[in-house]
Amino acid sequence: MTKIAKMEDNLSKIAGHKVELTIRGDRAFTISSDEMVPDLADKVAAFFGGAAKISASHDEECGSFVYIDV
């Protein structure tokens, strides 16, 4: 299992839904879910404990996306 796959597995457990991790830059990444998960950003924010800037978008057709900048 790759490091990214391990992180996705751990984040999926935290989120309570299967999520994917996309690296956007050195300290920026996106956590996404095919399902719409309104509280995904809150769960991710709790995990990071205020150490990251977090924003989110949700779409019924595409799912939920949480943008994280550390």
PDB file of N, CA and C in Angstrom:
ATOM      1  N   MET A   1       0.853  -1.181   0.000  1.00  0.00           N
ATOM      2  CA  MET A   1       0.000   0.000   0.000  1.00  0.00           C
ATOM      3  C   MET A   1       0.898   1.243   0.000  1.00  0.00           C
ATOM      4  N   THR A   2       0.591   2.196  -0.871  1.00  0.00           N
ATOM      5  CA  THR A   2       1.383   3.424  -0.954  1.00  0.00           C
ATOM      6  C   THR A   2       1.068   4.340   0.227  1.00  0.00           C
ATOM      7  N   LYS A   3       1.906   5.346   0.432  1.00  0.00           N
ATOM      8  CA  LYS A   3       1.671   6.305   1.510  1.00  0.00           C
ATOM      9  C   LYS A   3       0.360   7.056   1.293  1.00  0.00           C
ATOM     10  N   ILE A   4       0.075   7.407   0.046  1.00  0.00           N
ATOM     11  CA  ILE A   4      -1.171   8.114  -0.242  1.00  0.00           C
ATOM     12  C   ILE A   4      -2.363   7.221   0.046  1.00  0.00           C
ATOM     13  N   ALA A   5      -2.283   5.954  -0.321  1.00  0.00           N
ATOM     14  CA  ALA A   5      -3.375   5.017  -0.048  1.00  0.00           C
ATOM     15  C   ALA A   5      -3.598   4.860   1.453  1.00  0.00           C
ATOM     16  N   LYS A   6      -2.517   4.835   2.227  1.00  0.00           N
ATOM     17  CA  LYS A   6      -2.636   4.747   3.685  1.00  0.00           C
ATOM     18  C   LYS A   6      -3.303   5.999   4.247  1.00  0.00           C
ATOM     19  N   MET A   7      -2.909   7.172   3.719  1.00  0.00           N
ATOM     20  CA  MET A   7      -3.515   8.417   4.171  1.00  0.00           C
ATOM     21  C   MET A   7      -4.998   8.453   3.811  1.00  0.00           C
ATOM     22  N   GLU A   8      -5.338   7.995   2.602  1.00  0.00           N
ATOM     23  CA  GLU A   8      -6.744   7.952   2.194  1.00  0.00           C
ATOM     24  C   GLU A   8      -7.541   7.040   3.115  1.00  0.00           C
ATOM     25  N   ASP A   9      -6.960   5.912   3.468  1.00  0.00           N
ATOM     26  CA  ASP A   9      -7.627   4.972   4.373  1.00  0.00           C
ATOM     27  C   ASP A   9      -7.867   5.609   5.734  1.00  0.00           C
ATOM     28  N   ASN A  10      -6.846   6.268   6.288  1.00  0.00           N
ATOM     29  CA  ASN A  10      -6.986   6.926   7.594  1.00  0.00           C
ATOM     30  C   ASN A  10      -7.996   8.065   7.536  1.00  0.00           C
ATOM     31  N   LEU A  11      -7.930   8.886   6.488  1.00  0.00           N
ATOM     32  CA  LEU A  11      -8.870   9.996   6.354  1.00  0.00           C
ATOM     33  C   LEU A  11     -10.299   9.495   6.138  1.00  0.00           C
ATOM     34  N   SER A  12     -10.454   8.377   5.456  1.00  0.00           N
ATOM     35  CA  SER A  12     -11.783   7.787   5.264  1.00  0.00           C
ATOM     36  C   SER A  12     -12.377   7.364   6.600  1.00  0.00           C
ATOM     37  N   LYS A  13     -11.548   6.843   7.480  1.00  0.00           N
ATOM     38  CA  LYS A  13     -12.015   6.455   8.809  1.00  0.00           C
ATOM     39  C   LYS A  13     -12.452   7.687   9.597  1.00  0.00           C
ATOM     40  N   ILE A  14     -11.685   8.765   9.499  1.00  0.00           N
ATOM     41  CA  ILE A  14     -12.027  10.004  10.198  1.00  0.00           C
ATOM     42  C   ILE A  14     -13.320  10.594   9.651  1.00  0.00           C
ATOM     43  N   ALA A  15     -13.446  10.579   8.328  1.00  0.00           N
ATOM     44  CA  ALA A  15     -14.605  11.177   7.670  1.00  0.00           C
ATOM     45  C   ALA A  15     -15.861  10.326   7.776  1.00  0.00           C
ATOM     46  N   GLY A  16     -15.676   9.030   7.948  1.00  0.00           N
ATOM     47  CA  GLY A  16     -16.825   8.132   7.972  1.00  0.00           C
ATOM     48  C   GLY A  16     -17.350   7.826   6.579  1.00  0.00           C
ATOM     49  N   HIS A  17     -16.584   8.190   5.553  1.00  0.00           N
ATOM     50  CA  HIS A  17     -16.922   7.957   4.150  1.00  0.00           C
ATOM     51  C   HIS A  17     -15.626   7.716   3.387  1.00  0.00           C
ATOM     52  N   LYS A  18     -15.714   6.999   2.278  1.00  0.00           N
ATOM     53  CA  LYS A  18     -14.530   6.793   1.447  1.00  0.00           C
ATOM     54  C   LYS A  18     -14.137   8.123   0.811  1.00  0.00           C
ATOM     55  N   VAL A  19     -12.875   8.500   0.972  1.00  0.00           N
ATOM     56  CA  VAL A  19     -12.377   9.738   0.392  1.00  0.00           C
ATOM     57  C   VAL A  19     -11.124   9.469  -0.435  1.00  0.00           C
ATOM     58  N   GLU A  20     -10.852  10.397  -1.333  1.00  0.00           N
ATOM     59  CA  GLU A  20      -9.633  10.362  -2.134  1.00  0.00           C
ATOM     60  C   GLU A  20      -8.796  11.586  -1.779  1.00  0.00           C
ATOM     61  N   LEU A  21      -7.498  11.454  -1.882  1.00  0.00           N
ATOM     62  CA  LEU A  21      -6.572  12.536  -1.576  1.00  0.00           C
ATOM     63  C   LEU A  21      -5.872  12.949  -2.860  1.00  0.00           C
ATOM     64  N   THR A  22      -5.913  14.239  -3.156  1.00  0.00           N
ATOM     65  CA  THR A  22      -5.219  14.787  -4.323  1.00  0.00           C
ATOM     66  C   THR A  22      -4.225  15.829  -3.835  1.00  0.00           C
ATOM     67  N   ILE A  23      -2.977  15.664  -4.214  1.00  0.00           N
ATOM     68  CA  ILE A  23      -1.945  16.630  -3.829  1.00  0.00           C
ATOM     69  C   ILE A  23      -1.917  17.733  -4.883  1.00  0.00           C
ATOM     70  N   ARG A  24      -2.131  18.984  -4.429  1.00  0.00           N
ATOM     71  CA  ARG A  24      -2.164  20.132  -5.339  1.00  0.00           C
ATOM     72  C   ARG A  24      -0.871  20.924  -5.320  1.00  0.00           C
ATOM     73  N   GLY A  25      -0.051  20.743  -4.315  1.00  0.00           N
ATOM     74  CA  GLY A  25       1.204  21.483  -4.185  1.00  0.00           C
ATOM     75  C   GLY A  25       1.964  20.995  -2.982  1.00  0.00           C
ATOM     76  N   ASP A  26       3.049  21.687  -2.658  1.00  0.00           N
ATOM     77  CA  ASP A  26       3.897  21.272  -1.540  1.00  0.00           C
ATOM     78  C   ASP A  26       3.130  21.190  -0.222  1.00  0.00           C
ATOM     79  N   ARG A  27       2.228  22.129   0.000  1.00  0.00           N
ATOM     80  CA  ARG A  27       1.480  22.160   1.259  1.00  0.00           C
ATOM     81  C   ARG A  27      -0.003  22.372   1.013  1.00  0.00           C
ATOM     82  N   ALA A  28      -0.476  21.874  -0.128  1.00  0.00           N
ATOM     83  CA  ALA A  28      -1.886  22.043  -0.485  1.00  0.00           C
ATOM     84  C   ALA A  28      -2.428  20.735  -1.060  1.00  0.00           C
ATOM     85  N   PHE A  29      -3.585  20.344  -0.590  1.00  0.00           N
ATOM     86  CA  PHE A  29      -4.193  19.136  -1.117  1.00  0.00           C
ATOM     87  C   PHE A  29      -5.711  19.198  -0.985  1.00  0.00           C
ATOM     88  N   THR A  30      -6.371  18.262  -1.643  1.00  0.00           N
ATOM     89  CA  THR A  30      -7.830  18.184  -1.647  1.00  0.00           C
ATOM     90  C   THR A  30      -8.253  16.805  -1.192  1.00  0.00           C
ATOM     91  N   ILE A  31      -9.249  16.773  -0.332  1.00  0.00           N
ATOM     92  CA  ILE A  31      -9.886  15.520   0.060  1.00  0.00           C
ATOM     93  C   ILE A  31     -11.264  15.540  -0.585  1.00  0.00           C
ATOM     94  N   SER A  32     -11.585  14.495  -1.323  1.00  0.00           N
ATOM     95  CA  SER A  32     -12.871  14.473  -2.021  1.00  0.00           C
ATOM     96  C   SER A  32     -13.603  13.161  -1.783  1.00  0.00           C
ATOM     97  N   SER A  33     -14.912  13.247  -1.934  1.00  0.00           N
ATOM     98  CA  SER A  33     -15.782  12.089  -1.789  1.00  0.00           C
ATOM     99  C   SER A  33     -16.773  12.104  -2.937  1.00  0.00           C
ATOM    100  N   ASP A  34     -17.069  10.943  -3.490  1.00  0.00           N
ATOM    101  CA  ASP A  34     -18.070  10.859  -4.559  1.00  0.00           C
ATOM    102  C   ASP A  34     -19.460  11.172  -4.028  1.00  0.00           C
ATOM    103  N   GLU A  35     -19.646  11.010  -2.737  1.00  0.00           N
ATOM    104  CA  GLU A  35     -20.932  11.304  -2.092  1.00  0.00           C
ATOM    105  C   GLU A  35     -20.923  12.736  -1.571  1.00  0.00           C
ATOM    106  N   MET A  36     -22.092  13.321  -1.435  1.00  0.00           N
ATOM    107  CA  MET A  36     -22.188  14.631  -0.805  1.00  0.00           C
ATOM    108  C   MET A  36     -22.159  14.421   0.703  1.00  0.00           C
ATOM    109  N   VAL A  37     -21.142  14.965   1.360  1.00  0.00           N
ATOM    110  CA  VAL A  37     -20.937  14.796   2.798  1.00  0.00           C
ATOM    111  C   VAL A  37     -20.846  16.194   3.412  1.00  0.00           C
ATOM    112  N   PRO A  38     -21.979  16.772   3.831  1.00  0.00           N
ATOM    113  CA  PRO A  38     -21.995  18.155   4.320  1.00  0.00           C
ATOM    114  C   PRO A  38     -21.039  18.442   5.475  1.00  0.00           C
ATOM    115  N   ASP A  39     -20.781  17.464   6.337  1.00  0.00           N
ATOM    116  CA  ASP A  39     -19.917  17.713   7.500  1.00  0.00           C
ATOM    117  C   ASP A  39     -18.464  17.274   7.282  1.00  0.00           C
ATOM    118  N   LEU A  40     -18.096  16.976   6.051  1.00  0.00           N
ATOM    119  CA  LEU A  40     -16.731  16.518   5.770  1.00  0.00           C
ATOM    120  C   LEU A  40     -15.698  17.568   6.167  1.00  0.00           C
ATOM    121  N   ALA A  41     -15.944  18.830   5.828  1.00  0.00           N
ATOM    122  CA  ALA A  41     -14.985  19.887   6.172  1.00  0.00           C
ATOM    123  C   ALA A  41     -14.829  20.024   7.687  1.00  0.00           C
ATOM    124  N   ASP A  42     -15.928  19.896   8.425  1.00  0.00           N
ATOM    125  CA  ASP A  42     -15.862  19.991   9.885  1.00  0.00           C
ATOM    126  C   ASP A  42     -15.010  18.868  10.472  1.00  0.00           C
ATOM    127  N   LYS A  43     -15.175  17.663   9.940  1.00  0.00           N
ATOM    128  CA  LYS A  43     -14.396  16.520  10.430  1.00  0.00           C
ATOM    129  C   LYS A  43     -12.916  16.691  10.109  1.00  0.00           C
ATOM    130  N   VAL A  44     -12.618  17.173   8.911  1.00  0.00           N
ATOM    131  CA  VAL A  44     -11.225  17.397   8.516  1.00  0.00           C
ATOM    132  C   VAL A  44     -10.622  18.524   9.358  1.00  0.00           C
ATOM    133  N   ALA A  45     -11.376  19.595   9.578  1.00  0.00           N
ATOM    134  CA  ALA A  45     -10.890  20.710  10.395  1.00  0.00           C
ATOM    135  C   ALA A  45     -10.589  20.246  11.817  1.00  0.00           C
ATOM    136  N   ALA A  46     -11.447  19.405  12.366  1.00  0.00           N
ATOM    137  CA  ALA A  46     -11.209  18.881  13.716  1.00  0.00           C
ATOM    138  C   ALA A  46      -9.925  18.053  13.747  1.00  0.00           C
ATOM    139  N   PHE A  47      -9.687  17.292  12.692  1.00  0.00           N
ATOM    140  CA  PHE A  47      -8.486  16.472  12.612  1.00  0.00           C
ATOM    141  C   PHE A  47      -7.235  17.346  12.617  1.00  0.00           C
ATOM    142  N   PHE A  48      -7.259  18.451  11.852  1.00  0.00           N
ATOM    143  CA  PHE A  48      -6.099  19.332  11.760  1.00  0.00           C
ATOM    144  C   PHE A  48      -6.007  20.301  12.925  1.00  0.00           C
ATOM    145  N   GLY A  49      -7.036  20.420  13.715  1.00  0.00           N
ATOM    146  CA  GLY A  49      -6.998  21.237  14.917  1.00  0.00           C
ATOM    147  C   GLY A  49      -6.628  22.693  14.683  1.00  0.00           C
ATOM    148  N   GLY A  50      -7.076  23.276  13.594  1.00  0.00           N
ATOM    149  CA  GLY A  50      -6.803  24.676  13.314  1.00  0.00           C
ATOM    150  C   GLY A  50      -5.451  24.950  12.690  1.00  0.00           C
ATOM    151  N   ALA A  51      -4.695  23.915  12.369  1.00  0.00           N
ATOM    152  CA  ALA A  51      -3.359  24.096  11.806  1.00  0.00           C
ATOM    153  C   ALA A  51      -3.377  24.267  10.282  1.00  0.00           C
ATOM    154  N   ALA A  52      -4.579  24.300   9.684  1.00  0.00           N
ATOM    155  CA  ALA A  52      -4.679  24.412   8.233  1.00  0.00           C
ATOM    156  C   ALA A  52      -5.836  25.321   7.848  1.00  0.00           C
ATOM    157  N   LYS A  53      -5.704  25.951   6.688  1.00  0.00           N
ATOM    158  CA  LYS A  53      -6.803  26.734   6.124  1.00  0.00           C
ATOM    159  C   LYS A  53      -7.668  25.759   5.313  1.00  0.00           C
ATOM    160  N   ILE A  54      -8.952  25.712   5.630  1.00  0.00           N
ATOM    161  CA  ILE A  54      -9.836  24.722   5.020  1.00  0.00           C
ATOM    162  C   ILE A  54     -11.053  25.406   4.423  1.00  0.00           C
ATOM    163  N   SER A  55     -11.376  25.013   3.194  1.00  0.00           N
ATOM    164  CA  SER A  55     -12.611  25.456   2.560  1.00  0.00           C
ATOM    165  C   SER A  55     -13.238  24.239   1.881  1.00  0.00           C
ATOM    166  N   ALA A  56     -14.524  24.335   1.570  1.00  0.00           N
ATOM    167  CA  ALA A  56     -15.212  23.173   1.014  1.00  0.00           C
ATOM    168  C   ALA A  56     -16.246  23.583  -0.015  1.00  0.00           C
ATOM    169  N   SER A  57     -16.569  22.632  -0.878  1.00  0.00           N
ATOM    170  CA  SER A  57     -17.685  22.794  -1.805  1.00  0.00           C
ATOM    171  C   SER A  57     -18.393  21.451  -1.913  1.00  0.00           C
ATOM    172  N   HIS A  58     -19.680  21.524  -2.175  1.00  0.00           N
ATOM    173  CA  HIS A  58     -20.493  20.314  -2.260  1.00  0.00           C
ATOM    174  C   HIS A  58     -21.376  20.410  -3.497  1.00  0.00           C
ATOM    175  N   ASP A  59     -21.551  19.284  -4.165  1.00  0.00           N
ATOM    176  CA  ASP A  59     -22.368  19.228  -5.357  1.00  0.00           C
ATOM    177  C   ASP A  59     -23.071  17.875  -5.375  1.00  0.00           C
ATOM    178  N   GLU A  60     -24.369  17.874  -5.589  1.00  0.00           N
ATOM    179  CA  GLU A  60     -25.119  16.617  -5.564  1.00  0.00           C
ATOM    180  C   GLU A  60     -24.642  15.632  -6.629  1.00  0.00           C
ATOM    181  N   GLU A  61     -24.164  16.128  -7.763  1.00  0.00           N
ATOM    182  CA  GLU A  61     -23.720  15.239  -8.834  1.00  0.00           C
ATOM    183  C   GLU A  61     -22.272  14.795  -8.674  1.00  0.00           C
ATOM    184  N   CYS A  62     -21.431  15.672  -8.125  1.00  0.00           N
ATOM    185  CA  CYS A  62     -19.995  15.368  -8.050  1.00  0.00           C
ATOM    186  C   CYS A  62     -19.502  14.963  -6.672  1.00  0.00           C
ATOM    187  N   GLY A  63     -20.223  15.329  -5.615  1.00  0.00           N
ATOM    188  CA  GLY A  63     -19.815  14.970  -4.267  1.00  0.00           C
ATOM    189  C   GLY A  63     -19.284  16.157  -3.488  1.00  0.00           C
ATOM    190  N   SER A  64     -18.420  15.869  -2.524  1.00  0.00           N
ATOM    191  CA  SER A  64     -17.860  16.893  -1.629  1.00  0.00           C
ATOM    192  C   SER A  64     -16.362  17.025  -1.843  1.00  0.00           C
ATOM    193  N   PHE A  65     -15.889  18.260  -1.712  1.00  0.00           N
ATOM    194  CA  PHE A  65     -14.475  18.558  -1.878  1.00  0.00           C
ATOM    195  C   PHE A  65     -14.034  19.456  -0.757  1.00  0.00           C
ATOM    196  N   VAL A  66     -12.945  19.097  -0.094  1.00  0.00           N
ATOM    197  CA  VAL A  66     -12.381  19.903   0.987  1.00  0.00           C
ATOM    198  C   VAL A  66     -10.977  20.289   0.558  1.00  0.00           C
ATOM    199  N   TYR A  67     -10.744  21.612   0.483  1.00  0.00           N
ATOM    200  CA  TYR A  67      -9.456  22.145   0.041  1.00  0.00           C
ATOM    201  C   TYR A  67      -8.658  22.541   1.279  1.00  0.00           C
ATOM    202  N   ILE A  68      -7.436  22.027   1.376  1.00  0.00           N
ATOM    203  CA  ILE A  68      -6.625  22.209   2.572  1.00  0.00           C
ATOM    204  C   ILE A  68      -5.282  22.824   2.187  1.00  0.00           C
ATOM    205  N   ASP A  69      -4.927  23.882   2.890  1.00  0.00           N
ATOM    206  CA  ASP A  69      -3.619  24.516   2.742  1.00  0.00           C
ATOM    207  C   ASP A  69      -2.971  24.547   4.118  1.00  0.00           C
ATOM    208  N   VAL A  70      -1.826  23.933   4.234  1.00  0.00           N
ATOM    209  CA  VAL A  70      -1.131  23.818   5.513  1.00  0.00           C
ATOM    210  C   VAL A  70       0.037  24.785   5.544  1.00  0.00           C
TER     211      VAL A  70
END
